[in-house]
Each structure stands twice: as structure tokens, then as C-alpha cells.
């Protein structure tokens, strides 16, 4: 699973054989969350959360929004579609 971004110790990954629509998994501190990217224009949206606090989720979604173009490009590179 390629790590495509790091956010304060939280890894943002895209699984190679994952399903559409474009999304990322954020993993860190025993927690995981999944965000739909809504490529190519966003905004990223929380789909599932397993343990992150609201404060952490806000920090993560802001980082995803700031890196949306790169994340969408990474998804296309790995999967070839959104």
C-alpha cells in the first residue's frame, strides 16, 4: 500500500487493488479513517472513522484538501481512473 502523504505522523495511503470512487485511508496511532476525494475538484469528505478525534479529523481533511491535486494524480497513477 503506497503511502502518498504524511500528516503529523498519520500515513495517507491508497490501496493498489481498491475500488472506486477515489478515496484514501489515513492510518496512525491505532486509528484509521477513510476519505472520499471527489476528484478532481473535491472537497475531501469523511466516509468512515475508527478512532480519530474531531480535532485530528479536521487537521487531516485540511491536509487532504491542500494536497487534493497530488492525491487525485496518485489515484489515477495507481488505478487509471477515479
PDB file of N, CA and C in Angstrom:
ATOM      1  N   UNK A   1       0.835  -1.168   0.000  1.00  0.00           N
ATOM      2  CA  UNK A   1       0.000   0.000   0.000  1.00  0.00           C
ATOM      3  C   UNK A   1       0.885   1.238   0.000  1.00  0.00           C
ATOM      4  N   UNK A   2       0.894   1.966  -1.080  1.00  0.00           N
ATOM      5  CA  UNK A   2       1.748   3.142  -1.177  1.00  0.00           C
ATOM      6  C   UNK A   2       1.280   4.278  -0.256  1.00  0.00           C
ATOM      7  N   UNK A   3       2.212   4.802   0.531  1.00  0.00           N
ATOM      8  CA  UNK A   3       1.940   6.000   1.314  1.00  0.00           C
ATOM      9  C   UNK A   3       2.093   7.190   0.374  1.00  0.00           C
ATOM     10  N   UNK A   4       1.055   7.984   0.227  1.00  0.00           N
ATOM     11  CA  UNK A   4       1.077   9.097  -0.722  1.00  0.00           C
ATOM     12  C   UNK A   4       1.209  10.446  -0.035  1.00  0.00           C
ATOM     13  N   UNK A   5       1.075  10.471   1.305  1.00  0.00           N
ATOM     14  CA  UNK A   5       1.177  11.709   2.052  1.00  0.00           C
ATOM     15  C   UNK A   5       1.345  11.352   3.523  1.00  0.00           C
ATOM     16  N   UNK A   6       2.032  12.192   4.264  1.00  0.00           N
ATOM     17  CA  UNK A   6       2.135  12.044   5.717  1.00  0.00           C
ATOM     18  C   UNK A   6       1.622  13.328   6.353  1.00  0.00           C
ATOM     19  N   UNK A   7       0.796  13.171   7.386  1.00  0.00           N
ATOM     20  CA  UNK A   7       0.208  14.315   8.084  1.00  0.00           C
ATOM     21  C   UNK A   7       0.485  14.127   9.569  1.00  0.00           C
ATOM     22  N   UNK A   8       1.504  14.804  10.078  1.00  0.00           N
ATOM     23  CA  UNK A   8       1.844  14.736  11.508  1.00  0.00           C
ATOM     24  C   UNK A   8       1.851  13.311  12.051  1.00  0.00           C
ATOM     25  N   UNK A   9       2.558  12.433  11.380  1.00  0.00           N
ATOM     26  CA  UNK A   9       2.671  11.048  11.835  1.00  0.00           C
ATOM     27  C   UNK A   9       1.555  10.132  11.373  1.00  0.00           C
ATOM     28  N   UNK A  10       0.577  10.664  10.665  1.00  0.00           N
ATOM     29  CA  UNK A  10      -0.512   9.864  10.116  1.00  0.00           C
ATOM     30  C   UNK A  10      -0.207   9.600   8.650  1.00  0.00           C
ATOM     31  N   UNK A  11      -0.251   8.341   8.255  1.00  0.00           N
ATOM     32  CA  UNK A  11       0.006   7.982   6.853  1.00  0.00           C
ATOM     33  C   UNK A  11      -1.280   8.051   6.058  1.00  0.00           C
ATOM     34  N   UNK A  12      -1.177   8.577   4.849  1.00  0.00           N
ATOM     35  CA  UNK A  12      -2.296   8.605   3.906  1.00  0.00           C
ATOM     36  C   UNK A  12      -1.937   7.619   2.802  1.00  0.00           C
ATOM     37  N   UNK A  13      -2.744   6.574   2.649  1.00  0.00           N
ATOM     38  CA  UNK A  13      -2.408   5.500   1.714  1.00  0.00           C
ATOM     39  C   UNK A  13      -3.528   5.262   0.714  1.00  0.00           C
ATOM     40  N   UNK A  14      -3.130   4.715  -0.430  1.00  0.00           N
ATOM     41  CA  UNK A  14      -4.063   4.263  -1.457  1.00  0.00           C
ATOM     42  C   UNK A  14      -3.749   2.796  -1.700  1.00  0.00           C
ATOM     43  N   UNK A  15      -4.718   1.932  -1.505  1.00  0.00           N
ATOM     44  CA  UNK A  15      -4.516   0.501  -1.737  1.00  0.00           C
ATOM     45  C   UNK A  15      -4.548   0.212  -3.233  1.00  0.00           C
ATOM     46  N   UNK A  16      -3.582  -0.549  -3.755  1.00  0.00           N
ATOM     47  CA  UNK A  16      -3.481  -0.786  -5.198  1.00  0.00           C
ATOM     48  C   UNK A  16      -4.691  -1.468  -5.839  1.00  0.00           C
ATOM     49  N   UNK A  17      -5.330  -2.375  -5.159  1.00  0.00           N
ATOM     50  CA  UNK A  17      -6.454  -3.102  -5.765  1.00  0.00           C
ATOM     51  C   UNK A  17      -7.783  -2.670  -5.155  1.00  0.00           C
ATOM     52  N   UNK A  18      -7.893  -1.401  -4.829  1.00  0.00           N
ATOM     53  CA  UNK A  18      -9.090  -0.898  -4.163  1.00  0.00           C
ATOM     54  C   UNK A  18     -10.151  -0.487  -5.187  1.00  0.00           C
ATOM     55  N   UNK A  19     -11.314  -0.168  -4.714  1.00  0.00           N
ATOM     56  CA  UNK A  19     -12.487   0.133  -5.549  1.00  0.00           C
ATOM     57  C   UNK A  19     -12.655   1.634  -5.746  1.00  0.00           C
ATOM     58  N   UNK A  20     -13.446   1.990  -6.738  1.00  0.00           N
ATOM     59  CA  UNK A  20     -13.855   3.378  -6.935  1.00  0.00           C
ATOM     60  C   UNK A  20     -14.990   3.698  -5.978  1.00  0.00           C
ATOM     61  N   UNK A  21     -15.278   4.946  -5.731  1.00  0.00           N
ATOM     62  CA  UNK A  21     -14.634   6.157  -6.220  1.00  0.00           C
ATOM     63  C   UNK A  21     -13.298   6.393  -5.521  1.00  0.00           C
ATOM     64  N   UNK A  22     -12.550   7.370  -6.039  1.00  0.00           N
ATOM     65  CA  UNK A  22     -11.236   7.690  -5.496  1.00  0.00           C
ATOM     66  C   UNK A  22     -11.353   8.042  -4.012  1.00  0.00           C
ATOM     67  N   UNK A  23     -10.506   7.401  -3.209  1.00  0.00           N
ATOM     68  CA  UNK A  23     -10.507   7.654  -1.774  1.00  0.00           C
ATOM     69  C   UNK A  23      -9.151   7.287  -1.200  1.00  0.00           C
ATOM     70  N   UNK A  24      -8.904   7.744   0.023  1.00  0.00           N
ATOM     71  CA  UNK A  24      -7.663   7.418   0.720  1.00  0.00           C
ATOM     72  C   UNK A  24      -7.995   6.899   2.110  1.00  0.00           C
ATOM     73  N   UNK A  25      -7.067   6.116   2.637  1.00  0.00           N
ATOM     74  CA  UNK A  25      -7.141   5.629   4.006  1.00  0.00           C
ATOM     75  C   UNK A  25      -6.082   6.381   4.803  1.00  0.00           C
ATOM     76  N   UNK A  26      -6.455   6.896   5.964  1.00  0.00           N
ATOM     77  CA  UNK A  26      -5.485   7.539   6.838  1.00  0.00           C
ATOM     78  C   UNK A  26      -5.288   6.637   8.049  1.00  0.00           C
ATOM     79  N   UNK A  27      -4.019   6.376   8.369  1.00  0.00           N
ATOM     80  CA  UNK A  27      -3.693   5.395   9.398  1.00  0.00           C
ATOM     81  C   UNK A  27      -2.656   5.985  10.341  1.00  0.00           C
ATOM     82  N   UNK A  28      -2.913   5.896  11.642  1.00  0.00           N
ATOM     83  CA  UNK A  28      -1.938   6.351  12.615  1.00  0.00           C
ATOM     84  C   UNK A  28      -2.458   6.245  14.033  1.00  0.00           C
ATOM     85  N   UNK A  29      -1.565   6.023  14.973  1.00  0.00           N
ATOM     86  CA  UNK A  29      -1.904   5.955  16.401  1.00  0.00           C
ATOM     87  C   UNK A  29      -3.023   4.965  16.691  1.00  0.00           C
ATOM     88  N   UNK A  30      -3.052   3.847  15.970  1.00  0.00           N
ATOM     89  CA  UNK A  30      -4.076   2.838  16.180  1.00  0.00           C
ATOM     90  C   UNK A  30      -5.438   3.213  15.635  1.00  0.00           C
ATOM     91  N   UNK A  31      -5.512   4.275  14.853  1.00  0.00           N
ATOM     92  CA  UNK A  31      -6.780   4.749  14.285  1.00  0.00           C
ATOM     93  C   UNK A  31      -6.730   4.640  12.770  1.00  0.00           C
ATOM     94  N   UNK A  32      -7.898   4.651  12.158  1.00  0.00           N
ATOM     95  CA  UNK A  32      -7.985   4.681  10.699  1.00  0.00           C
ATOM     96  C   UNK A  32      -9.245   5.439  10.303  1.00  0.00           C
ATOM     97  N   UNK A  33      -9.136   6.174   9.199  1.00  0.00           N
ATOM     98  CA  UNK A  33     -10.293   6.859   8.631  1.00  0.00           C
ATOM     99  C   UNK A  33     -10.192   6.763   7.117  1.00  0.00           C
ATOM    100  N   UNK A  34     -11.341   6.826   6.461  1.00  0.00           N
ATOM    101  CA  UNK A  34     -11.399   6.774   5.007  1.00  0.00           C
ATOM    102  C   UNK A  34     -12.071   8.064   4.530  1.00  0.00           C
ATOM    103  N   UNK A  35     -11.437   8.695   3.537  1.00  0.00           N
ATOM    104  CA  UNK A  35     -11.959   9.936   2.976  1.00  0.00           C
ATOM    105  C   UNK A  35     -12.184   9.770   1.487  1.00  0.00           C
ATOM    106  N   UNK A  36     -13.388  10.087   1.014  1.00  0.00           N
ATOM    107  CA  UNK A  36     -13.650  10.181  -0.417  1.00  0.00           C
ATOM    108  C   UNK A  36     -13.007  11.472  -0.902  1.00  0.00           C
ATOM    109  N   UNK A  37     -12.347  11.413  -2.071  1.00  0.00           N
ATOM    110  CA  UNK A  37     -11.631  12.581  -2.573  1.00  0.00           C
ATOM    111  C   UNK A  37     -12.490  13.494  -3.450  1.00  0.00           C
ATOM    112  N   UNK A  38     -13.488  12.941  -4.108  1.00  0.00           N
ATOM    113  CA  UNK A  38     -14.317  13.696  -5.058  1.00  0.00           C
ATOM    114  C   UNK A  38     -13.450  14.361  -6.130  1.00  0.00           C
ATOM    115  N   UNK A  39     -12.546  13.566  -6.699  1.00  0.00           N
ATOM    116  CA  UNK A  39     -11.651  14.062  -7.751  1.00  0.00           C
ATOM    117  C   UNK A  39     -12.462  14.500  -8.968  1.00  0.00           C
ATOM    118  N   UNK A  40     -11.991  15.491  -9.647  1.00  0.00           N
ATOM    119  CA  UNK A  40     -10.741  16.212  -9.435  1.00  0.00           C
ATOM    120  C   UNK A  40     -10.892  17.486  -8.619  1.00  0.00           C
ATOM    121  N   UNK A  41     -12.112  17.891  -8.251  1.00  0.00           N
ATOM    122  CA  UNK A  41     -12.302  19.202  -7.631  1.00  0.00           C
ATOM    123  C   UNK A  41     -12.528  19.177  -6.126  1.00  0.00           C
ATOM    124  N   UNK A  42     -12.809  17.984  -5.559  1.00  0.00           N
ATOM    125  CA  UNK A  42     -13.031  17.909  -4.123  1.00  0.00           C
ATOM    126  C   UNK A  42     -14.400  18.432  -3.745  1.00  0.00           C
ATOM    127  N   UNK A  43     -14.603  18.691  -2.483  1.00  0.00           N
ATOM    128  CA  UNK A  43     -13.663  18.578  -1.381  1.00  0.00           C
ATOM    129  C   UNK A  43     -13.617  17.164  -0.823  1.00  0.00           C
ATOM    130  N   UNK A  44     -12.514  16.805  -0.147  1.00  0.00           N
ATOM    131  CA  UNK A  44     -12.462  15.504   0.516  1.00  0.00           C
ATOM    132  C   UNK A  44     -13.569  15.419   1.570  1.00  0.00           C
ATOM    133  N   UNK A  45     -14.108  14.220   1.733  1.00  0.00           N
ATOM    134  CA  UNK A  45     -15.224  14.034   2.666  1.00  0.00           C
ATOM    135  C   UNK A  45     -14.998  12.765   3.489  1.00  0.00           C
ATOM    136  N   UNK A  46     -15.165  12.874   4.790  1.00  0.00           N
ATOM    137  CA  UNK A  46     -15.024  11.724   5.679  1.00  0.00           C
ATOM    138  C   UNK A  46     -16.093  10.688   5.355  1.00  0.00           C
ATOM    139  N   UNK A  47     -15.666   9.451   5.147  1.00  0.00           N
ATOM    140  CA  UNK A  47     -16.595   8.355   4.876  1.00  0.00           C
ATOM    141  C   UNK A  47     -16.694   7.404   6.061  1.00  0.00           C
ATOM    142  N   UNK A  48     -15.561   7.123   6.703  1.00  0.00           N
ATOM    143  CA  UNK A  48     -15.538   6.214   7.854  1.00  0.00           C
ATOM    144  C   UNK A  48     -14.464   6.694   8.823  1.00  0.00           C
ATOM    145  N   UNK A  49     -14.719   6.543  10.121  1.00  0.00           N
ATOM    146  CA  UNK A  49     -13.733   6.906  11.129  1.00  0.00           C
ATOM    147  C   UNK A  49     -13.690   5.836  12.209  1.00  0.00           C
ATOM    148  N   UNK A  50     -12.500   5.390  12.502  1.00  0.00           N
ATOM    149  CA  UNK A  50     -12.287   4.394  13.548  1.00  0.00           C
ATOM    150  C   UNK A  50     -11.245   4.925  14.525  1.00  0.00           C
ATOM    151  N   UNK A  51     -11.666   5.867  15.383  1.00  0.00           N
ATOM    152  CA  UNK A  51     -10.827   6.279  16.486  1.00  0.00           C
ATOM    153  C   UNK A  51     -10.227   7.668  16.466  1.00  0.00           C
ATOM    154  N   UNK A  52     -10.179   8.360  15.342  1.00  0.00           N
ATOM    155  CA  UNK A  52      -9.621   9.706  15.324  1.00  0.00           C
ATOM    156  C   UNK A  52     -10.582  10.677  16.014  1.00  0.00           C
ATOM    157  N   UNK A  53     -10.024  11.651  16.722  1.00  0.00           N
ATOM    158  CA  UNK A  53     -10.847  12.687  17.347  1.00  0.00           C
ATOM    159  C   UNK A  53     -11.295  13.686  16.284  1.00  0.00           C
ATOM    160  N   UNK A  54     -12.277  14.491  16.629  1.00  0.00           N
ATOM    161  CA  UNK A  54     -12.749  15.525  15.713  1.00  0.00           C
ATOM    162  C   UNK A  54     -11.618  16.476  15.348  1.00  0.00           C
ATOM    163  N   UNK A  55     -10.806  16.854  16.308  1.00  0.00           N
ATOM    164  CA  UNK A  55      -9.671  17.748  16.059  1.00  0.00           C
ATOM    165  C   UNK A  55      -8.693  17.129  15.056  1.00  0.00           C
ATOM    166  N   UNK A  56      -8.399  15.845  15.224  1.00  0.00           N
ATOM    167  CA  UNK A  56      -7.500  15.160  14.292  1.00  0.00           C
ATOM    168  C   UNK A  56      -8.107  15.071  12.898  1.00  0.00           C
ATOM    169  N   UNK A  57      -9.403  14.789  12.823  1.00  0.00           N
ATOM    170  CA  UNK A  57     -10.072  14.685  11.519  1.00  0.00           C
ATOM    171  C   UNK A  57     -10.045  16.015  10.777  1.00  0.00           C
ATOM    172  N   UNK A  58     -10.232  17.108  11.487  1.00  0.00           N
ATOM    173  CA  UNK A  58     -10.172  18.430  10.856  1.00  0.00           C
ATOM    174  C   UNK A  58      -8.778  18.682  10.298  1.00  0.00           C
ATOM    175  N   UNK A  59      -7.759  18.349  11.069  1.00  0.00           N
ATOM    176  CA  UNK A  59      -6.371  18.519  10.619  1.00  0.00           C
ATOM    177  C   UNK A  59      -6.104  17.678   9.381  1.00  0.00           C
ATOM    178  N   UNK A  60      -6.591  16.452   9.384  1.00  0.00           N
ATOM    179  CA  UNK A  60      -6.368  15.549   8.249  1.00  0.00           C
ATOM    180  C   UNK A  60      -7.103  16.041   7.008  1.00  0.00           C
ATOM    181  N   UNK A  61      -8.377  16.382   7.140  1.00  0.00           N
ATOM    182  CA  UNK A  61      -9.148  16.805   5.965  1.00  0.00           C
ATOM    183  C   UNK A  61      -8.578  18.087   5.375  1.00  0.00           C
ATOM    184  N   UNK A  62      -8.069  18.984   6.208  1.00  0.00           N
ATOM    185  CA  UNK A  62      -7.437  20.193   5.691  1.00  0.00           C
ATOM    186  C   UNK A  62      -6.174  19.864   4.904  1.00  0.00           C
ATOM    187  N   UNK A  63      -5.392  18.903   5.393  1.00  0.00           N
ATOM    188  CA  UNK A  63      -4.188  18.482   4.665  1.00  0.00           C
ATOM    189  C   UNK A  63      -4.564  17.803   3.351  1.00  0.00           C
ATOM    190  N   UNK A  64      -5.612  16.995   3.363  1.00  0.00           N
ATOM    191  CA  UNK A  64      -6.057  16.337   2.132  1.00  0.00           C
ATOM    192  C   UNK A  64      -6.521  17.381   1.121  1.00  0.00           C
ATOM    193  N   UNK A  65      -7.280  18.366   1.576  1.00  0.00           N
ATOM    194  CA  UNK A  65      -7.767  19.415   0.670  1.00  0.00           C
ATOM    195  C   UNK A  65      -6.601  20.191   0.065  1.00  0.00           C
ATOM    196  N   UNK A  66      -5.575  20.444   0.868  1.00  0.00           N
ATOM    197  CA  UNK A  66      -4.417  21.177   0.378  1.00  0.00           C
ATOM    198  C   UNK A  66      -3.551  20.394  -0.586  1.00  0.00           C
ATOM    199  N   UNK A  67      -3.739  19.089  -0.606  1.00  0.00           N
ATOM    200  CA  UNK A  67      -2.955  18.216  -1.481  1.00  0.00           C
ATOM    201  C   UNK A  67      -3.834  17.435  -2.452  1.00  0.00           C
ATOM    202  N   UNK A  68      -5.045  17.937  -2.694  1.00  0.00           N
ATOM    203  CA  UNK A  68      -6.026  17.193  -3.491  1.00  0.00           C
ATOM    204  C   UNK A  68      -5.516  16.848  -4.885  1.00  0.00           C
ATOM    205  N   UNK A  69      -4.907  17.778  -5.573  1.00  0.00           N
ATOM    206  CA  UNK A  69      -4.435  17.508  -6.940  1.00  0.00           C
ATOM    207  C   UNK A  69      -3.427  16.365  -6.945  1.00  0.00           C
ATOM    208  N   UNK A  70      -2.498  16.375  -6.000  1.00  0.00           N
ATOM    209  CA  UNK A  70      -1.489  15.310  -5.927  1.00  0.00           C
ATOM    210  C   UNK A  70      -2.133  13.969  -5.567  1.00  0.00           C
ATOM    211  N   UNK A  71      -3.115  13.984  -4.678  1.00  0.00           N
ATOM    212  CA  UNK A  71      -3.792  12.741  -4.293  1.00  0.00           C
ATOM    213  C   UNK A  71      -4.588  12.166  -5.456  1.00  0.00           C
ATOM    214  N   UNK A  72      -5.272  13.024  -6.209  1.00  0.00           N
ATOM    215  CA  UNK A  72      -6.024  12.560  -7.381  1.00  0.00           C
ATOM    216  C   UNK A  72      -5.069  12.009  -8.447  1.00  0.00           C
ATOM    217  N   UNK A  73      -3.930  12.662  -8.617  1.00  0.00           N
ATOM    218  CA  UNK A  73      -2.927  12.173  -9.562  1.00  0.00           C
ATOM    219  C   UNK A  73      -2.402  10.815  -9.117  1.00  0.00           C
ATOM    220  N   UNK A  74      -2.159  10.654  -7.824  1.00  0.00           N
ATOM    221  CA  UNK A  74      -1.680   9.362  -7.307  1.00  0.00           C
ATOM    222  C   UNK A  74      -2.729   8.270  -7.528  1.00  0.00           C
ATOM    223  N   UNK A  75      -3.999   8.595  -7.284  1.00  0.00           N
ATOM    224  CA  UNK A  75      -5.073   7.614  -7.515  1.00  0.00           C
ATOM    225  C   UNK A  75      -5.082   7.183  -8.989  1.00  0.00           C
ATOM    226  N   UNK A  76      -5.017   8.169  -9.900  1.00  0.00           N
ATOM    227  CA  UNK A  76      -5.004   7.858 -11.339  1.00  0.00           C
ATOM    228  C   UNK A  76      -3.781   7.026 -11.705  1.00  0.00           C
ATOM    229  N   UNK A  77      -2.649   7.336 -11.135  1.00  0.00           N
ATOM    230  CA  UNK A  77      -1.420   6.592 -11.424  1.00  0.00           C
ATOM    231  C   UNK A  77      -1.558   5.124 -10.981  1.00  0.00           C
ATOM    232  N   UNK A  78      -2.167   4.909  -9.842  1.00  0.00           N
ATOM    233  CA  UNK A  78      -2.316   3.547  -9.309  1.00  0.00           C
ATOM    234  C   UNK A  78      -3.467   2.807  -9.965  1.00  0.00           C
ATOM    235  N   UNK A  79      -4.595   3.490 -10.201  1.00  0.00           N
ATOM    236  CA  UNK A  79      -5.818   2.823 -10.673  1.00  0.00           C
ATOM    237  C   UNK A  79      -6.211   3.144 -12.103  1.00  0.00           C
ATOM    238  N   UNK A  80      -5.743   4.263 -12.645  1.00  0.00           N
ATOM    239  CA  UNK A  80      -6.063   4.614 -14.019  1.00  0.00           C
ATOM    240  C   UNK A  80      -7.422   5.244 -14.213  1.00  0.00           C
ATOM    241  N   UNK A  81      -8.157   5.492 -13.141  1.00  0.00           N
ATOM    242  CA  UNK A  81      -9.490   6.105 -13.221  1.00  0.00           C
ATOM    243  C   UNK A  81      -9.855   6.628 -11.834  1.00  0.00           C
ATOM    244  N   UNK A  82     -10.918   7.394 -11.767  1.00  0.00           N
ATOM    245  CA  UNK A  82     -11.407   7.853 -10.451  1.00  0.00           C
ATOM    246  C   UNK A  82     -12.445   6.884  -9.943  1.00  0.00           C
TER     247      UNK A  82
END
